[in-house]
PDB file of all heavy atoms in Angstrom:
ATOM      1  N   ALA A   1       0.822  -1.208   0.000  1.00  0.00           N
ATOM      2  CA  ALA A   1       0.000   0.000   0.000  1.00  0.00           C
ATOM      3  C   ALA A   1       0.857   1.261   0.000  1.00  0.00           C
ATOM      4  O   ALA A   1       0.446   2.309  -0.512  1.00  0.00           O
ATOM      5  CB  ALA A   1      -0.935  -0.001   1.204  1.00  0.00           C
ATOM      6  N   SER A   2       2.066   1.144   0.553  1.00  0.00           N
ATOM      7  CA  SER A   2       2.953   2.305   0.657  1.00  0.00           C
ATOM      8  C   SER A   2       3.970   2.382  -0.474  1.00  0.00           C
ATOM      9  O   SER A   2       4.742   3.337  -0.543  1.00  0.00           O
ATOM     10  CB  SER A   2       3.700   2.252   1.992  1.00  0.00           C
ATOM     11  OG  SER A   2       4.680   1.202   1.979  1.00  0.00           O
ATOM     12  N   ALA A   3       3.998   1.368  -1.325  1.00  0.00           N
ATOM     13  CA  ALA A   3       5.063   1.253  -2.327  1.00  0.00           C
ATOM     14  C   ALA A   3       4.601   1.682  -3.709  1.00  0.00           C
ATOM     15  O   ALA A   3       3.405   1.768  -3.992  1.00  0.00           O
ATOM     16  CB  ALA A   3       5.578  -0.181  -2.374  1.00  0.00           C
ATOM     17  N   ASN A   4       5.580   1.918  -4.573  1.00  0.00           N
ATOM     18  CA  ASN A   4       5.319   2.203  -5.989  1.00  0.00           C
ATOM     19  C   ASN A   4       5.486   0.980  -6.868  1.00  0.00           C
ATOM     20  O   ASN A   4       4.799   0.829  -7.883  1.00  0.00           O
ATOM     21  CB  ASN A   4       6.281   3.287  -6.499  1.00  0.00           C
ATOM     22  CG  ASN A   4       6.153   4.590  -5.763  1.00  0.00           C
ATOM     23  OD1 ASN A   4       6.812   4.793  -4.749  1.00  0.00           O
ATOM     24  ND2 ASN A   4       5.305   5.485  -6.256  1.00  0.00           N
ATOM     25  N   VAL A   5       6.426   0.110  -6.468  1.00  0.00           N
ATOM     26  CA  VAL A   5       6.847  -0.978  -7.357  1.00  0.00           C
ATOM     27  C   VAL A   5       7.011  -2.262  -6.557  1.00  0.00           C
ATOM     28  O   VAL A   5       7.547  -2.250  -5.439  1.00  0.00           O
ATOM     29  CB  VAL A   5       8.193  -0.641  -8.048  1.00  0.00           C
ATOM     30  CG1 VAL A   5       8.589  -1.743  -9.029  1.00  0.00           C
ATOM     31  CG2 VAL A   5       8.145   0.715  -8.753  1.00  0.00           C
ATOM     32  N   PHE A   6       6.567  -3.367  -7.147  1.00  0.00           N
ATOM     33  CA  PHE A   6       6.827  -4.709  -6.637  1.00  0.00           C
ATOM     34  C   PHE A   6       7.609  -5.451  -7.713  1.00  0.00           C
ATOM     35  O   PHE A   6       7.204  -5.480  -8.878  1.00  0.00           O
ATOM     36  CB  PHE A   6       5.509  -5.436  -6.347  1.00  0.00           C
ATOM     37  CG  PHE A   6       5.661  -6.902  -6.065  1.00  0.00           C
ATOM     38  CD1 PHE A   6       5.956  -7.356  -4.792  1.00  0.00           C
ATOM     39  CD2 PHE A   6       5.507  -7.841  -7.083  1.00  0.00           C
ATOM     40  CE1 PHE A   6       6.094  -8.722  -4.529  1.00  0.00           C
ATOM     41  CE2 PHE A   6       5.644  -9.209  -6.835  1.00  0.00           C
ATOM     42  CZ  PHE A   6       5.938  -9.647  -5.553  1.00  0.00           C
ATOM     43  N   VAL A   7       8.736  -6.059  -7.338  1.00  0.00           N
ATOM     44  CA  VAL A   7       9.588  -6.756  -8.301  1.00  0.00           C
ATOM     45  C   VAL A   7       9.832  -8.183  -7.818  1.00  0.00           C
ATOM     46  O   VAL A   7      10.136  -8.403  -6.633  1.00  0.00           O
ATOM     47  CB  VAL A   7      10.961  -6.061  -8.477  1.00  0.00           C
ATOM     48  CG1 VAL A   7      11.730  -6.688  -9.642  1.00  0.00           C
ATOM     49  CG2 VAL A   7      10.802  -4.566  -8.691  1.00  0.00           C
ATOM     50  N   SER A   8       9.723  -9.143  -8.727  1.00  0.00           N
ATOM     51  CA  SER A   8      10.009 -10.529  -8.350  1.00  0.00           C
ATOM     52  C   SER A   8      10.513 -11.324  -9.545  1.00  0.00           C
ATOM     53  O   SER A   8      10.151 -11.033 -10.688  1.00  0.00           O
ATOM     54  CB  SER A   8       8.753 -11.203  -7.788  1.00  0.00           C
ATOM     55  OG  SER A   8       9.081 -12.497  -7.295  1.00  0.00           O
ATOM     56  N   ASN A   9      11.348 -12.318  -9.261  1.00  0.00           N
ATOM     57  CA  ASN A   9      11.710 -13.299 -10.277  1.00  0.00           C
ATOM     58  C   ASN A   9      11.417 -14.721  -9.808  1.00  0.00           C
ATOM     59  O   ASN A   9      11.978 -15.684 -10.323  1.00  0.00           O
ATOM     60  CB  ASN A   9      13.177 -13.154 -10.710  1.00  0.00           C
ATOM     61  CG  ASN A   9      14.164 -13.343  -9.574  1.00  0.00           C
ATOM     62  OD1 ASN A   9      13.815 -13.274  -8.394  1.00  0.00           O
ATOM     63  ND2 ASN A   9      15.427 -13.575  -9.912  1.00  0.00           N
ATOM     64  N   TYR A  10      10.512 -14.844  -8.820  1.00  0.00           N
ATOM     65  CA  TYR A  10       9.970 -16.164  -8.491  1.00  0.00           C
ATOM     66  C   TYR A  10       9.000 -16.582  -9.597  1.00  0.00           C
ATOM     67  O   TYR A  10       8.476 -15.744 -10.337  1.00  0.00           O
ATOM     68  CB  TYR A  10       9.247 -16.130  -7.152  1.00  0.00           C
ATOM     69  CG  TYR A  10      10.175 -16.098  -5.959  1.00  0.00           C
ATOM     70  CD1 TYR A  10      10.513 -14.887  -5.349  1.00  0.00           C
ATOM     71  CD2 TYR A  10      10.717 -17.269  -5.444  1.00  0.00           C
ATOM     72  CE1 TYR A  10      11.368 -14.851  -4.249  1.00  0.00           C
ATOM     73  CE2 TYR A  10      11.578 -17.239  -4.348  1.00  0.00           C
ATOM     74  CZ  TYR A  10      11.901 -16.031  -3.758  1.00  0.00           C
ATOM     75  OH  TYR A  10      12.750 -16.003  -2.685  1.00  0.00           O
ATOM     76  N   ARG A  11       8.755 -17.888  -9.682  1.00  0.00           N
ATOM     77  CA  ARG A  11       7.827 -18.361 -10.708  1.00  0.00           C
ATOM     78  C   ARG A  11       6.411 -17.834 -10.453  1.00  0.00           C
ATOM     79  O   ARG A  11       6.014 -17.636  -9.302  1.00  0.00           O
ATOM     80  CB  ARG A  11       7.855 -19.881 -10.772  1.00  0.00           C
ATOM     81  CG  ARG A  11       9.065 -20.391 -11.548  1.00  0.00           C
ATOM     82  CD  ARG A  11       9.041 -21.897 -11.716  1.00  0.00           C
ATOM     83  NE  ARG A  11       9.880 -22.559 -10.738  1.00  0.00           N
ATOM     84  CZ  ARG A  11      10.153 -23.864 -10.755  1.00  0.00           C
ATOM     85  NH1 ARG A  11       9.625 -24.638 -11.689  1.00  0.00           N
ATOM     86  NH2 ARG A  11      10.930 -24.396  -9.843  1.00  0.00           N
ATOM     87  N   ILE A  12       5.678 -17.610 -11.538  1.00  0.00           N
ATOM     88  CA  ILE A  12       4.359 -16.988 -11.446  1.00  0.00           C
ATOM     89  C   ILE A  12       3.424 -17.791 -10.551  1.00  0.00           C
ATOM     90  O   ILE A  12       2.675 -17.224  -9.741  1.00  0.00           O
ATOM     91  CB  ILE A  12       3.743 -16.814 -12.853  1.00  0.00           C
ATOM     92  CG1 ILE A  12       4.663 -15.955 -13.729  1.00  0.00           C
ATOM     93  CG2 ILE A  12       2.355 -16.205 -12.756  1.00  0.00           C
ATOM     94  CD1 ILE A  12       4.943 -14.571 -13.193  1.00  0.00           C
ATOM     95  N   ARG A  13       3.461 -19.108 -10.655  1.00  0.00           N
ATOM     96  CA  ARG A  13       2.553 -19.910  -9.845  1.00  0.00           C
ATOM     97  C   ARG A  13       2.862 -19.771  -8.363  1.00  0.00           C
ATOM     98  O   ARG A  13       1.959 -19.857  -7.511  1.00  0.00           O
ATOM     99  CB  ARG A  13       2.583 -21.369 -10.283  1.00  0.00           C
ATOM    100  CG  ARG A  13       3.907 -22.088 -10.079  1.00  0.00           C
ATOM    101  CD  ARG A  13       3.868 -23.486 -10.683  1.00  0.00           C
ATOM    102  NE  ARG A  13       5.132 -24.185 -10.514  1.00  0.00           N
ATOM    103  CZ  ARG A  13       5.436 -25.314 -11.147  1.00  0.00           C
ATOM    104  NH1 ARG A  13       4.567 -25.844 -11.994  1.00  0.00           N
ATOM    105  NH2 ARG A  13       6.597 -25.906 -10.952  1.00  0.00           N
ATOM    106  N   ALA A  14       4.132 -19.534  -8.018  1.00  0.00           N
ATOM    107  CA  ALA A  14       4.496 -19.312  -6.616  1.00  0.00           C
ATOM    108  C   ALA A  14       3.932 -17.982  -6.122  1.00  0.00           C
ATOM    109  O   ALA A  14       3.430 -17.882  -4.993  1.00  0.00           O
ATOM    110  CB  ALA A  14       6.011 -19.340  -6.451  1.00  0.00           C
ATOM    111  N   LEU A  15       3.993 -16.951  -6.966  1.00  0.00           N
ATOM    112  CA  LEU A  15       3.428 -15.656  -6.594  1.00  0.00           C
ATOM    113  C   LEU A  15       1.914 -15.751  -6.439  1.00  0.00           C
ATOM    114  O   LEU A  15       1.337 -15.193  -5.497  1.00  0.00           O
ATOM    115  CB  LEU A  15       3.794 -14.598  -7.644  1.00  0.00           C
ATOM    116  CG  LEU A  15       5.288 -14.326  -7.846  1.00  0.00           C
ATOM    117  CD1 LEU A  15       5.493 -13.270  -8.934  1.00  0.00           C
ATOM    118  CD2 LEU A  15       5.941 -13.866  -6.544  1.00  0.00           C
ATOM    119  N   ASP A  16       1.269 -16.453  -7.364  1.00  0.00           N
ATOM    120  CA  ASP A  16      -0.192 -16.630  -7.268  1.00  0.00           C
ATOM    121  C   ASP A  16      -0.575 -17.347  -5.974  1.00  0.00           C
ATOM    122  O   ASP A  16      -1.550 -16.981  -5.313  1.00  0.00           O
ATOM    123  CB  ASP A  16      -0.708 -17.423  -8.469  1.00  0.00           C
ATOM    124  CG  ASP A  16      -0.668 -16.618  -9.766  1.00  0.00           C
ATOM    125  OD1 ASP A  16      -0.632 -15.369  -9.693  1.00  0.00           O
ATOM    126  OD2 ASP A  16      -0.681 -17.247 -10.845  1.00  0.00           O
ATOM    127  N   LYS A  17       0.202 -18.361  -5.623  1.00  0.00           N
ATOM    128  CA  LYS A  17      -0.086 -19.140  -4.413  1.00  0.00           C
ATOM    129  C   LYS A  17       0.019 -18.278  -3.159  1.00  0.00           C
ATOM    130  O   LYS A  17      -0.731 -18.477  -2.192  1.00  0.00           O
ATOM    131  CB  LYS A  17       0.886 -20.321  -4.339  1.00  0.00           C
ATOM    132  CG  LYS A  17       0.545 -21.340  -3.261  1.00  0.00           C
ATOM    133  CD  LYS A  17       1.474 -22.549  -3.362  1.00  0.00           C
ATOM    134  CE  LYS A  17       1.119 -23.589  -2.288  1.00  0.00           C
ATOM    135  NZ  LYS A  17       2.010 -24.774  -2.380  1.00  0.00           N
ATOM    136  N   LEU A  18       0.938 -17.297  -3.182  1.00  0.00           N
ATOM    137  CA  LEU A  18       1.123 -16.408  -2.030  1.00  0.00           C
ATOM    138  C   LEU A  18       0.150 -15.229  -2.040  1.00  0.00           C
ATOM    139  O   LEU A  18       0.157 -14.407  -1.116  1.00  0.00           O
ATOM    140  CB  LEU A  18       2.565 -15.884  -2.006  1.00  0.00           C
ATOM    141  CG  LEU A  18       3.652 -16.907  -1.655  1.00  0.00           C
ATOM    142  CD1 LEU A  18       5.031 -16.327  -1.928  1.00  0.00           C
ATOM    143  CD2 LEU A  18       3.526 -17.344  -0.192  1.00  0.00           C
ATOM    144  N   GLY A  19      -0.655 -15.142  -3.098  1.00  0.00           N
ATOM    145  CA  GLY A  19      -1.617 -14.042  -3.185  1.00  0.00           C
ATOM    146  C   GLY A  19      -1.017 -12.734  -3.653  1.00  0.00           C
ATOM    147  O   GLY A  19      -1.589 -11.657  -3.435  1.00  0.00           O
ATOM    148  N   ILE A  20       0.138 -12.809  -4.321  1.00  0.00           N
ATOM    149  CA  ILE A  20       0.783 -11.584  -4.809  1.00  0.00           C
ATOM    150  C   ILE A  20       1.052 -11.672  -6.320  1.00  0.00           C
ATOM    151  O   ILE A  20       1.981 -11.059  -6.833  1.00  0.00           O
ATOM    152  CB  ILE A  20       2.097 -11.282  -4.040  1.00  0.00           C
ATOM    153  CG1 ILE A  20       2.994 -12.519  -3.939  1.00  0.00           C
ATOM    154  CG2 ILE A  20       1.790 -10.734  -2.662  1.00  0.00           C
ATOM    155  CD1 ILE A  20       4.312 -12.278  -3.224  1.00  0.00           C
ATOM    156  N   GLY A  21       0.207 -12.458  -7.011  1.00  0.00           N
ATOM    157  CA  GLY A  21       0.241 -12.459  -8.466  1.00  0.00           C
ATOM    158  C   GLY A  21      -0.386 -11.181  -9.004  1.00  0.00           C
ATOM    159  O   GLY A  21      -0.948 -10.363  -8.268  1.00  0.00           O
ATOM    160  N   TRP A  22      -0.319 -11.012 -10.319  1.00  0.00           N
ATOM    161  CA  TRP A  22      -0.766  -9.767 -10.947  1.00  0.00           C
ATOM    162  C   TRP A  22      -2.244  -9.479 -10.699  1.00  0.00           C
ATOM    163  O   TRP A  22      -2.604  -8.378 -10.267  1.00  0.00           O
ATOM    164  CB  TRP A  22      -0.479  -9.792 -12.439  1.00  0.00           C
ATOM    165  CG  TRP A  22      -1.214  -8.739 -13.233  1.00  0.00           C
ATOM    166  CD1 TRP A  22      -2.181  -8.952 -14.170  1.00  0.00           C
ATOM    167  CD2 TRP A  22      -1.035  -7.319 -13.155  1.00  0.00           C
ATOM    168  NE1 TRP A  22      -2.623  -7.754 -14.686  1.00  0.00           N
ATOM    169  CE2 TRP A  22      -1.938  -6.735 -14.073  1.00  0.00           C
ATOM    170  CE3 TRP A  22      -0.224  -6.480 -12.387  1.00  0.00           C
ATOM    171  CZ2 TRP A  22      -2.045  -5.358 -14.262  1.00  0.00           C
ATOM    172  CZ3 TRP A  22      -0.323  -5.095 -12.576  1.00  0.00           C
ATOM    173  CH2 TRP A  22      -1.217  -4.548 -13.493  1.00  0.00           C
ATOM    174  N   GLU A  23      -3.117 -10.431 -10.956  1.00  0.00           N
ATOM    175  CA  GLU A  23      -4.553 -10.160 -10.868  1.00  0.00           C
ATOM    176  C   GLU A  23      -4.956  -9.738  -9.459  1.00  0.00           C
ATOM    177  O   GLU A  23      -5.642  -8.725  -9.269  1.00  0.00           O
ATOM    178  CB  GLU A  23      -5.364 -11.386 -11.306  1.00  0.00           C
ATOM    179  CG  GLU A  23      -5.368 -11.639 -12.799  1.00  0.00           C
ATOM    180  CD  GLU A  23      -4.093 -12.328 -13.290  1.00  0.00           C
ATOM    181  OE1 GLU A  23      -3.289 -12.759 -12.424  1.00  0.00           O
ATOM    182  OE2 GLU A  23      -3.912 -12.428 -14.509  1.00  0.00           O
ATOM    183  N   GLU A  24      -4.516 -10.514  -8.472  1.00  0.00           N
ATOM    184  CA  GLU A  24      -4.902 -10.206  -7.099  1.00  0.00           C
ATOM    185  C   GLU A  24      -4.288  -8.897  -6.624  1.00  0.00           C
ATOM    186  O   GLU A  24      -4.950  -8.073  -5.982  1.00  0.00           O
ATOM    187  CB  GLU A  24      -4.503 -11.357  -6.173  1.00  0.00           C
ATOM    188  CG  GLU A  24      -5.063 -11.218  -4.776  1.00  0.00           C
ATOM    189  CD  GLU A  24      -4.927 -12.490  -3.959  1.00  0.00           C
ATOM    190  OE1 GLU A  24      -4.695 -13.576  -4.553  1.00  0.00           O
ATOM    191  OE2 GLU A  24      -5.074 -12.414  -2.720  1.00  0.00           O
ATOM    192  N   MET A  25      -3.018  -8.680  -6.950  1.00  0.00           N
ATOM    193  CA  MET A  25      -2.375  -7.458  -6.495  1.00  0.00           C
ATOM    194  C   MET A  25      -2.954  -6.223  -7.190  1.00  0.00           C
ATOM    195  O   MET A  25      -3.190  -5.186  -6.552  1.00  0.00           O
ATOM    196  CB  MET A  25      -0.859  -7.514  -6.729  1.00  0.00           C
ATOM    197  CG  MET A  25      -0.120  -6.349  -6.048  1.00  0.00           C
ATOM    198  SD  MET A  25       1.667  -6.390  -6.259  1.00  0.00           S
ATOM    199  CE  MET A  25       2.082  -7.884  -5.394  1.00  0.00           C
ATOM    200  N   HIS A  26      -3.212  -6.327  -8.488  1.00  0.00           N
ATOM    201  CA  HIS A  26      -3.744  -5.171  -9.216  1.00  0.00           C
ATOM    202  C   HIS A  26      -5.147  -4.819  -8.731  1.00  0.00           C
ATOM    203  O   HIS A  26      -5.520  -3.638  -8.669  1.00  0.00           O
ATOM    204  CB  HIS A  26      -3.758  -5.461 -10.712  1.00  0.00           C
ATOM    205  CG  HIS A  26      -4.141  -4.277 -11.548  1.00  0.00           C
ATOM    206  ND1 HIS A  26      -3.410  -3.109 -11.563  1.00  0.00           N
ATOM    207  CD2 HIS A  26      -5.198  -4.074 -12.384  1.00  0.00           C
ATOM    208  CE1 HIS A  26      -3.975  -2.236 -12.378  1.00  0.00           C
ATOM    209  NE2 HIS A  26      -5.075  -2.798 -12.874  1.00  0.00           N
ATOM    210  N   ALA A  27      -5.916  -5.844  -8.379  1.00  0.00           N
ATOM    211  CA  ALA A  27      -7.264  -5.579  -7.867  1.00  0.00           C
ATOM    212  C   ALA A  27      -7.212  -4.862  -6.518  1.00  0.00           C
ATOM    213  O   ALA A  27      -8.020  -3.962  -6.249  1.00  0.00           O
ATOM    214  CB  ALA A  27      -8.031  -6.894  -7.744  1.00  0.00           C
ATOM    215  N   LYS A  28      -6.255  -5.247  -5.687  1.00  0.00           N
ATOM    216  CA  LYS A  28      -6.171  -4.683  -4.344  1.00  0.00           C
ATOM    217  C   LYS A  28      -5.359  -3.398  -4.290  1.00  0.00           C
ATOM    218  O   LYS A  28      -5.663  -2.484  -3.513  1.00  0.00           O
ATOM    219  CB  LYS A  28      -5.553  -5.724  -3.395  1.00  0.00           C
ATOM    220  CG  LYS A  28      -5.775  -5.406  -1.929  1.00  0.00           C
ATOM    221  CD  LYS A  28      -5.425  -6.616  -1.076  1.00  0.00           C
ATOM    222  CE  LYS A  28      -5.856  -6.389   0.365  1.00  0.00           C
ATOM    223  NZ  LYS A  28      -5.559  -7.568   1.215  1.00  0.00           N
ATOM    224  N   HIS A  29      -4.315  -3.327  -5.118  1.00  0.00           N
ATOM    225  CA  HIS A  29      -3.421  -2.164  -5.130  1.00  0.00           C
ATOM    226  C   HIS A  29      -3.237  -1.688  -6.581  1.00  0.00           C
ATOM    227  O   HIS A  29      -2.184  -1.925  -7.189  1.00  0.00           O
ATOM    228  CB  HIS A  29      -2.066  -2.519  -4.519  1.00  0.00           C
ATOM    229  CG  HIS A  29      -2.130  -3.027  -3.114  1.00  0.00           C
ATOM    230  ND1 HIS A  29      -2.435  -2.219  -2.037  1.00  0.00           N
ATOM    231  CD2 HIS A  29      -1.949  -4.280  -2.613  1.00  0.00           C
ATOM    232  CE1 HIS A  29      -2.422  -2.947  -0.927  1.00  0.00           C
ATOM    233  NE2 HIS A  29      -2.136  -4.195  -1.249  1.00  0.00           N
ATOM    234  N   PRO A  30      -4.237  -1.060  -7.164  1.00  0.00           N
ATOM    235  CA  PRO A  30      -4.163  -0.712  -8.593  1.00  0.00           C
ATOM    236  C   PRO A  30      -3.062   0.281  -8.939  1.00  0.00           C
ATOM    237  O   PRO A  30      -2.730   0.439 -10.119  1.00  0.00           O
ATOM    238  CB  PRO A  30      -5.549  -0.114  -8.871  1.00  0.00           C
ATOM    239  CG  PRO A  30      -6.078   0.295  -7.529  1.00  0.00           C
ATOM    240  CD  PRO A  30      -5.523  -0.679  -6.559  1.00  0.00           C
ATOM    241  N   HIS A  31      -2.472   0.904  -7.921  1.00  0.00           N
ATOM    242  CA  HIS A  31      -1.387   1.855  -8.188  1.00  0.00           C
ATOM    243  C   HIS A  31      -0.043   1.163  -8.390  1.00  0.00           C
ATOM    244  O   HIS A  31       0.904   1.775  -8.893  1.00  0.00           O
ATOM    245  CB  HIS A  31      -1.249   2.822  -7.007  1.00  0.00           C
ATOM    246  CG  HIS A  31      -0.684   2.173  -5.775  1.00  0.00           C
ATOM    247  ND1 HIS A  31      -1.409   1.305  -4.980  1.00  0.00           N
ATOM    248  CD2 HIS A  31       0.563   2.228  -5.218  1.00  0.00           C
ATOM    249  CE1 HIS A  31      -0.651   0.877  -3.986  1.00  0.00           C
ATOM    250  NE2 HIS A  31       0.555   1.416  -4.100  1.00  0.00           N
ATOM    251  N   ILE A  32       0.051  -0.111  -8.010  1.00  0.00           N
ATOM    252  CA  ILE A  32       1.346  -0.802  -7.968  1.00  0.00           C
ATOM    253  C   ILE A  32       1.841  -1.187  -9.361  1.00  0.00           C
ATOM    254  O   ILE A  32       1.086  -1.710 -10.188  1.00  0.00           O
ATOM    255  CB  ILE A  32       1.250  -2.071  -7.089  1.00  0.00           C
ATOM    256  CG1 ILE A  32       1.431  -1.710  -5.620  1.00  0.00           C
ATOM    257  CG2 ILE A  32       2.290  -3.107  -7.465  1.00  0.00           C
ATOM    258  CD1 ILE A  32       2.865  -1.534  -5.182  1.00  0.00           C
ATOM    259  N   ILE A  33       3.122  -0.934  -9.602  1.00  0.00           N
ATOM    260  CA  ILE A  33       3.812  -1.482 -10.772  1.00  0.00           C
ATOM    261  C   ILE A  33       4.284  -2.880 -10.383  1.00  0.00           C
ATOM    262  O   ILE A  33       5.076  -3.043  -9.455  1.00  0.00           O
ATOM    263  CB  ILE A  33       4.998  -0.601 -11.176  1.00  0.00           C
ATOM    264  CG1 ILE A  33       4.507   0.780 -11.644  1.00  0.00           C
ATOM    265  CG2 ILE A  33       5.842  -1.276 -12.266  1.00  0.00           C
ATOM    266  CD1 ILE A  33       5.585   1.839 -11.689  1.00  0.00           C
ATOM    267  N   TRP A  34       3.743  -3.878 -11.063  1.00  0.00           N
ATOM    268  CA  TRP A  34       4.050  -5.285 -10.777  1.00  0.00           C
ATOM    269  C   TRP A  34       5.025  -5.754 -11.849  1.00  0.00           C
ATOM    270  O   TRP A  34       4.663  -5.914 -13.013  1.00  0.00           O
ATOM    271  CB  TRP A  34       2.751  -6.089 -10.806  1.00  0.00           C
ATOM    272  CG  TRP A  34       2.820  -7.534 -10.422  1.00  0.00           C
ATOM    273  CD1 TRP A  34       2.725  -8.060  -9.176  1.00  0.00           C
ATOM    274  CD2 TRP A  34       2.906  -8.662 -11.309  1.00  0.00           C
ATOM    275  NE1 TRP A  34       2.768  -9.443  -9.214  1.00  0.00           N
ATOM    276  CE2 TRP A  34       2.874  -9.843 -10.523  1.00  0.00           C
ATOM    277  CE3 TRP A  34       3.013  -8.794 -12.701  1.00  0.00           C
ATOM    278  CZ2 TRP A  34       2.947 -11.119 -11.077  1.00  0.00           C
ATOM    279  CZ3 TRP A  34       3.087 -10.061 -13.243  1.00  0.00           C
ATOM    280  CH2 TRP A  34       3.056 -11.211 -12.433  1.00  0.00           C
ATOM    281  N   ALA A  35       6.285  -5.919 -11.479  1.00  0.00           N
ATOM    282  CA  ALA A  35       7.338  -6.223 -12.449  1.00  0.00           C
ATOM    283  C   ALA A  35       7.919  -7.602 -12.163  1.00  0.00           C
ATOM    284  O   ALA A  35       8.345  -7.873 -11.034  1.00  0.00           O
ATOM    285  CB  ALA A  35       8.438  -5.170 -12.395  1.00  0.00           C
ATOM    286  N   VAL A  36       7.926  -8.452 -13.177  1.00  0.00           N
ATOM    287  CA  VAL A  36       8.457  -9.798 -12.990  1.00  0.00           C
ATOM    288  C   VAL A  36       9.467 -10.145 -14.076  1.00  0.00           C
ATOM    289  O   VAL A  36       9.366  -9.692 -15.219  1.00  0.00           O
ATOM    290  CB  VAL A  36       7.338 -10.869 -12.979  1.00  0.00           C
ATOM    291  CG1 VAL A  36       6.449 -10.710 -11.766  1.00  0.00           C
ATOM    292  CG2 VAL A  36       6.529 -10.836 -14.261  1.00  0.00           C
ATOM    293  N   LEU A  37      10.433 -10.943 -13.665  1.00  0.00           N
ATOM    294  CA  LEU A  37      11.424 -11.486 -14.574  1.00  0.00           C
ATOM    295  C   LEU A  37      11.283 -13.002 -14.521  1.00  0.00           C
ATOM    296  O   LEU A  37      11.492 -13.607 -13.479  1.00  0.00           O
ATOM    297  CB  LEU A  37      12.826 -11.046 -14.161  1.00  0.00           C
ATOM    298  CG  LEU A  37      13.966 -11.356 -15.125  1.00  0.00           C
ATOM    299  CD1 LEU A  37      15.088 -10.347 -14.945  1.00  0.00           C
ATOM    300  CD2 LEU A  37      14.515 -12.767 -14.912  1.00  0.00           C
ATOM    301  N   THR A  38      10.880 -13.590 -15.641  1.00  0.00           N
ATOM    302  CA  THR A  38      10.658 -15.033 -15.691  1.00  0.00           C
ATOM    303  C   THR A  38      11.799 -15.712 -16.438  1.00  0.00           C
ATOM    304  O   THR A  38      12.650 -15.054 -17.038  1.00  0.00           O
ATOM    305  CB  THR A  38       9.334 -15.346 -16.405  1.00  0.00           C
ATOM    306  OG1 THR A  38       9.469 -15.033 -17.798  1.00  0.00           O
ATOM    307  CG2 THR A  38       8.182 -14.548 -15.815  1.00  0.00           C
TER     308      THR A  38
END
């Protein structure tokens, strides 16, 4: 809620499992830049 950017290079399914995948995070924090390296 306080951040501008979230960055991760964990696998997408791991992020989804933790509730910090793109869809869930964008719905809850639409201001966040969600950046991933796969």
